[in-house]
Amino acid sequence: MEAREEVSTAHVITISDRVSAGQMEDQSGPALLRLLRAAQFEISGPEVVPDVKQRISDAIEAAAAGGADVVITTGGTGLGPRDVTPQATSDVIDFEVPGLGEAMRRVGAASTPMAALSRGVAGVRGRTLVVNVPGSVKGATESLEAVMPMLGHAIRLLHGNTAHA
């Protein structure tokens, strides 16, 4: 019997006061789900939480505890007073993976110099990769597309498959 390749799982968390209050429709979360689905991820979400540090941390922790290979958050990465996603993420990750944030900002800079203002971080909690992307549909999708080629390898490494081809 052939061994079947394990399907990777991803959970999307939309962070927005307005979306969580029902004042605005979530567009970034569904856009990220479409990209992840096209990349053959088993997906869940988008879960919506307000721009509240503890709520964000709790959502990331729950997704990681639930076995998600990757958690993508969208929103709360800018300089606004309620943009606390990077701080909430830093509180719950074991270590950062700075190259992913750098890659996302580099790709974003091709579209707008404002990409340098995104404070999104990426890191690992247990065996889960957590990646913060901006809240706009364009920023979110460009950022995820920038790191998508690395996700499979990162997941394999986090699962202990450290053999190099």
C-alpha atoms as a PDB file:
ATOM      1  CA  MET A   1       0.000   0.000   0.000  1.00  0.00           C
ATOM      2  CA  GLU A   2       1.350   3.442  -0.943  1.00  0.00           C
ATOM      3  CA  ALA A   3       2.039   5.953   1.781  1.00  0.00           C
ATOM      4  CA  ARG A   4      -0.202   8.957   1.424  1.00  0.00           C
ATOM      5  CA  GLU A   5       1.326  12.387   1.865  1.00  0.00           C
ATOM      6  CA  GLU A   6      -0.083  14.041   4.960  1.00  0.00           C
ATOM      7  CA  VAL A   7      -2.326  17.027   4.308  1.00  0.00           C
ATOM      8  CA  SER A   8      -1.181  20.233   5.980  1.00  0.00           C
ATOM      9  CA  THR A   9      -3.694  22.234   7.968  1.00  0.00           C
ATOM     10  CA  ALA A  10      -4.061  25.979   8.198  1.00  0.00           C
ATOM     11  CA  HIS A  11      -6.234  28.191  10.375  1.00  0.00           C
ATOM     12  CA  VAL A  12      -6.984  31.829   9.509  1.00  0.00           C
ATOM     13  CA  ILE A  13      -7.714  34.470  12.145  1.00  0.00           C
ATOM     14  CA  THR A  14      -9.057  37.865  11.076  1.00  0.00           C
ATOM     15  CA  ILE A  15      -8.269  40.584  13.595  1.00  0.00           C
ATOM     16  CA  SER A  16     -10.578  43.564  13.302  1.00  0.00           C
ATOM     17  CA  ASP A  17     -12.742  45.552  15.679  1.00  0.00           C
ATOM     18  CA  ARG A  18     -15.143  46.496  12.883  1.00  0.00           C
ATOM     19  CA  VAL A  19     -15.501  42.996  11.454  1.00  0.00           C
ATOM     20  CA  SER A  20     -15.974  41.466  14.910  1.00  0.00           C
ATOM     21  CA  ALA A  21     -18.670  44.068  15.667  1.00  0.00           C
ATOM     22  CA  GLY A  22     -20.497  43.264  12.419  1.00  0.00           C
ATOM     23  CA  GLN A  23     -19.861  46.760  11.019  1.00  0.00           C
ATOM     24  CA  MET A  24     -17.766  45.529   8.110  1.00  0.00           C
ATOM     25  CA  GLU A  25     -17.536  42.344   6.068  1.00  0.00           C
ATOM     26  CA  ASP A  26     -14.361  40.280   6.322  1.00  0.00           C
ATOM     27  CA  GLN A  27     -12.703  40.158   2.935  1.00  0.00           C
ATOM     28  CA  SER A  28      -9.089  39.340   3.817  1.00  0.00           C
ATOM     29  CA  GLY A  29      -9.864  36.135   5.726  1.00  0.00           C
ATOM     30  CA  PRO A  30     -11.828  34.555   2.875  1.00  0.00           C
ATOM     31  CA  ALA A  31      -9.166  35.675   0.353  1.00  0.00           C
ATOM     32  CA  LEU A  32      -6.500  33.893   2.411  1.00  0.00           C
ATOM     33  CA  LEU A  33      -8.673  30.775   2.660  1.00  0.00           C
ATOM     34  CA  ARG A  34      -8.935  30.691  -1.140  1.00  0.00           C
ATOM     35  CA  LEU A  35      -5.131  30.849  -1.511  1.00  0.00           C
ATOM     36  CA  LEU A  36      -4.575  28.150   1.102  1.00  0.00           C
ATOM     37  CA  ARG A  37      -7.261  25.913  -0.402  1.00  0.00           C
ATOM     38  CA  ALA A  38      -5.644  26.291  -3.848  1.00  0.00           C
ATOM     39  CA  ALA A  39      -2.344  25.203  -2.258  1.00  0.00           C
ATOM     40  CA  GLN A  40      -4.072  22.016  -1.008  1.00  0.00           C
ATOM     41  CA  PHE A  41      -4.231  22.976   2.674  1.00  0.00           C
ATOM     42  CA  GLU A  42      -7.038  21.660   4.821  1.00  0.00           C
ATOM     43  CA  ILE A  43      -8.372  24.949   6.160  1.00  0.00           C
ATOM     44  CA  SER A  44     -10.444  26.358   8.981  1.00  0.00           C
ATOM     45  CA  GLY A  45     -11.632  29.856   9.687  1.00  0.00           C
ATOM     46  CA  PRO A  46     -11.695  32.644   9.260  1.00  0.00           C
ATOM     47  CA  GLU A  47     -12.135  33.077  12.963  1.00  0.00           C
ATOM     48  CA  VAL A  48     -12.777  36.743  13.764  1.00  0.00           C
ATOM     49  CA  VAL A  49     -11.499  38.464  16.892  1.00  0.00           C
ATOM     50  CA  PRO A  50     -11.308  42.146  17.863  1.00  0.00           C
ATOM     51  CA  ASP A  51      -8.058  44.084  18.174  1.00  0.00           C
ATOM     52  CA  VAL A  52      -7.596  42.955  21.769  1.00  0.00           C
ATOM     53  CA  LYS A  53      -4.213  41.512  22.671  1.00  0.00           C
ATOM     54  CA  GLN A  54      -5.481  38.719  24.936  1.00  0.00           C
ATOM     55  CA  ARG A  55      -8.196  37.649  22.476  1.00  0.00           C
ATOM     56  CA  ILE A  56      -5.588  37.438  19.695  1.00  0.00           C
ATOM     57  CA  SER A  57      -3.161  35.462  21.871  1.00  0.00           C
ATOM     58  CA  ASP A  58      -5.937  33.115  22.976  1.00  0.00           C
ATOM     59  CA  ALA A  59      -7.017  32.484  19.366  1.00  0.00           C
ATOM     60  CA  ILE A  60      -3.464  31.691  18.261  1.00  0.00           C
ATOM     61  CA  GLU A  61      -2.910  29.387  21.244  1.00  0.00           C
ATOM     62  CA  ALA A  62      -6.188  27.554  20.613  1.00  0.00           C
ATOM     63  CA  ALA A  63      -5.420  27.030  16.918  1.00  0.00           C
ATOM     64  CA  ALA A  64      -1.955  25.703  17.733  1.00  0.00           C
ATOM     65  CA  ALA A  65      -3.341  23.436  20.476  1.00  0.00           C
ATOM     66  CA  GLY A  66      -5.932  22.212  17.966  1.00  0.00           C
ATOM     67  CA  GLY A  67      -3.158  20.935  15.717  1.00  0.00           C
ATOM     68  CA  ALA A  68      -2.990  23.570  12.983  1.00  0.00           C
ATOM     69  CA  ASP A  69       0.288  23.342  11.070  1.00  0.00           C
ATOM     70  CA  VAL A  70       0.046  27.016  10.133  1.00  0.00           C
ATOM     71  CA  VAL A  71      -1.889  29.901  11.679  1.00  0.00           C
ATOM     72  CA  ILE A  72      -2.258  32.968   9.481  1.00  0.00           C
ATOM     73  CA  THR A  73      -3.495  36.140  11.145  1.00  0.00           C
ATOM     74  CA  THR A  74      -4.689  39.076   9.085  1.00  0.00           C
ATOM     75  CA  GLY A  75      -4.942  42.575  10.476  1.00  0.00           C
ATOM     76  CA  GLY A  76      -3.485  44.609  13.295  1.00  0.00           C
ATOM     77  CA  THR A  77       0.067  44.819  11.955  1.00  0.00           C
ATOM     78  CA  GLY A  78       0.269  48.566  11.348  1.00  0.00           C
ATOM     79  CA  LEU A  79       1.136  51.531  13.531  1.00  0.00           C
ATOM     80  CA  GLY A  80      -2.341  52.352  14.812  1.00  0.00           C
ATOM     81  CA  PRO A  81      -2.956  52.444  18.536  1.00  0.00           C
ATOM     82  CA  ARG A  82      -5.122  49.270  18.382  1.00  0.00           C
ATOM     83  CA  ASP A  83      -2.700  47.366  16.120  1.00  0.00           C
ATOM     84  CA  VAL A  84      -1.433  44.811  18.647  1.00  0.00           C
ATOM     85  CA  THR A  85      -1.226  41.603  16.610  1.00  0.00           C
ATOM     86  CA  PRO A  86       2.603  41.456  16.574  1.00  0.00           C
ATOM     87  CA  GLN A  87       2.759  41.946  20.352  1.00  0.00           C
ATOM     88  CA  ALA A  88       0.074  39.307  20.947  1.00  0.00           C
ATOM     89  CA  THR A  89       1.903  36.903  18.639  1.00  0.00           C
ATOM     90  CA  SER A  90       5.254  37.545  20.311  1.00  0.00           C
ATOM     91  CA  ASP A  91       3.669  36.718  23.665  1.00  0.00           C
ATOM     92  CA  VAL A  92       2.744  33.181  22.562  1.00  0.00           C
ATOM     93  CA  ILE A  93       5.477  32.032  20.167  1.00  0.00           C
ATOM     94  CA  ASP A  94       8.521  30.072  21.252  1.00  0.00           C
ATOM     95  CA  PHE A  95      10.797  31.770  18.724  1.00  0.00           C
ATOM     96  CA  GLU A  96      10.650  34.085  15.710  1.00  0.00           C
ATOM     97  CA  VAL A  97      11.316  33.253  12.069  1.00  0.00           C
ATOM     98  CA  PRO A  98      12.379  36.741  10.922  1.00  0.00           C
ATOM     99  CA  GLY A  99      13.085  35.772   7.321  1.00  0.00           C
ATOM    100  CA  LEU A 100       9.373  35.295   6.627  1.00  0.00           C
ATOM    101  CA  GLY A 101       8.503  38.822   7.763  1.00  0.00           C
ATOM    102  CA  GLU A 102      11.408  40.161   5.745  1.00  0.00           C
ATOM    103  CA  ALA A 103      10.213  38.296   2.644  1.00  0.00           C
ATOM    104  CA  MET A 104       6.683  39.641   3.030  1.00  0.00           C
ATOM    105  CA  ARG A 105       7.870  43.246   3.416  1.00  0.00           C
ATOM    106  CA  ARG A 106      10.249  42.889   0.452  1.00  0.00           C
ATOM    107  CA  VAL A 107       7.442  41.690  -1.831  1.00  0.00           C
ATOM    108  CA  GLY A 108       5.070  44.361  -0.506  1.00  0.00           C
ATOM    109  CA  ALA A 109       7.636  47.089  -1.166  1.00  0.00           C
ATOM    110  CA  ALA A 110       7.366  46.329  -4.873  1.00  0.00           C
ATOM    111  CA  SER A 111       3.756  47.599  -4.690  1.00  0.00           C
ATOM    112  CA  THR A 112       4.047  50.323  -2.060  1.00  0.00           C
ATOM    113  CA  PRO A 113       6.760  51.854   0.108  1.00  0.00           C
ATOM    114  CA  MET A 114       4.237  51.677   2.974  1.00  0.00           C
ATOM    115  CA  ALA A 115       4.939  47.930   3.248  1.00  0.00           C
ATOM    116  CA  ALA A 116       7.921  48.877   5.422  1.00  0.00           C
ATOM    117  CA  LEU A 117       5.436  50.007   8.077  1.00  0.00           C
ATOM    118  CA  SER A 118       3.973  46.518   8.485  1.00  0.00           C
ATOM    119  CA  ARG A 119       5.128  45.014  11.764  1.00  0.00           C
ATOM    120  CA  GLY A 120       3.923  41.497  11.030  1.00  0.00           C
ATOM    121  CA  VAL A 121       6.005  38.776  12.639  1.00  0.00           C
ATOM    122  CA  ALA A 122       6.326  35.069  12.027  1.00  0.00           C
ATOM    123  CA  GLY A 123       7.268  32.492  14.584  1.00  0.00           C
ATOM    124  CA  VAL A 124       6.730  29.051  15.988  1.00  0.00           C
ATOM    125  CA  ARG A 125       4.534  27.853  18.827  1.00  0.00           C
ATOM    126  CA  GLY A 126       5.218  24.192  19.469  1.00  0.00           C
ATOM    127  CA  ARG A 127       4.930  22.621  16.016  1.00  0.00           C
ATOM    128  CA  THR A 128       2.778  25.401  14.559  1.00  0.00           C
ATOM    129  CA  LEU A 129       4.046  28.173  12.316  1.00  0.00           C
ATOM    130  CA  VAL A 130       2.317  31.511  13.023  1.00  0.00           C
ATOM    131  CA  VAL A 131       2.419  34.230  10.359  1.00  0.00           C
ATOM    132  CA  ASN A 132       0.985  37.761  10.665  1.00  0.00           C
ATOM    133  CA  VAL A 133      -0.103  39.419   7.405  1.00  0.00           C
ATOM    134  CA  PRO A 134      -1.638  42.871   6.881  1.00  0.00           C
ATOM    135  CA  GLY A 135      -5.384  43.430   7.021  1.00  0.00           C
ATOM    136  CA  SER A 136      -5.975  44.705   3.493  1.00  0.00           C
ATOM    137  CA  VAL A 137      -6.877  42.076   0.901  1.00  0.00           C
ATOM    138  CA  LYS A 138      -3.961  43.118  -1.305  1.00  0.00           C
ATOM    139  CA  GLY A 139      -1.443  43.211   1.546  1.00  0.00           C
ATOM    140  CA  ALA A 140      -2.702  39.937   3.007  1.00  0.00           C
ATOM    141  CA  THR A 141      -2.673  37.984  -0.251  1.00  0.00           C
ATOM    142  CA  GLU A 142       0.657  39.397  -1.468  1.00  0.00           C
ATOM    143  CA  SER A 143       2.240  38.569   1.872  1.00  0.00           C
ATOM    144  CA  LEU A 144       0.902  35.021   1.970  1.00  0.00           C
ATOM    145  CA  GLU A 145       1.920  34.454  -1.651  1.00  0.00           C
ATOM    146  CA  ALA A 146       5.432  35.664  -0.744  1.00  0.00           C
ATOM    147  CA  VAL A 147       5.887  32.947   1.890  1.00  0.00           C
ATOM    148  CA  MET A 148       3.722  30.190   0.411  1.00  0.00           C
ATOM    149  CA  PRO A 149       6.695  28.473  -1.318  1.00  0.00           C
ATOM    150  CA  MET A 150       8.378  28.069   2.093  1.00  0.00           C
ATOM    151  CA  LEU A 151       5.417  26.786   4.106  1.00  0.00           C
ATOM    152  CA  GLY A 152       5.643  23.120   3.130  1.00  0.00           C
ATOM    153  CA  HIS A 153       9.333  22.913   3.993  1.00  0.00           C
ATOM    154  CA  ALA A 154       8.787  24.776   7.271  1.00  0.00           C
ATOM    155  CA  ILE A 155       5.984  22.377   8.245  1.00  0.00           C
ATOM    156  CA  ARG A 156       8.139  19.336   7.446  1.00  0.00           C
ATOM    157  CA  LEU A 157      10.950  20.738   9.609  1.00  0.00           C
ATOM    158  CA  LEU A 158       8.569  21.469  12.484  1.00  0.00           C
ATOM    159  CA  HIS A 159       7.316  17.874  12.266  1.00  0.00           C
ATOM    160  CA  GLY A 160      10.863  16.599  12.672  1.00  0.00           C
ATOM    161  CA  ASN A 161      11.647  15.789   9.047  1.00  0.00           C
ATOM    162  CA  THR A 162      15.050  17.457   8.963  1.00  0.00           C
ATOM    163  CA  ALA A 163      16.620  15.295   6.249  1.00  0.00           C
ATOM    164  CA  HIS A 164      18.062  17.374   3.434  1.00  0.00           C
ATOM    165  CA  ALA A 165      17.600  16.252  -0.142  1.00  0.00           C
END
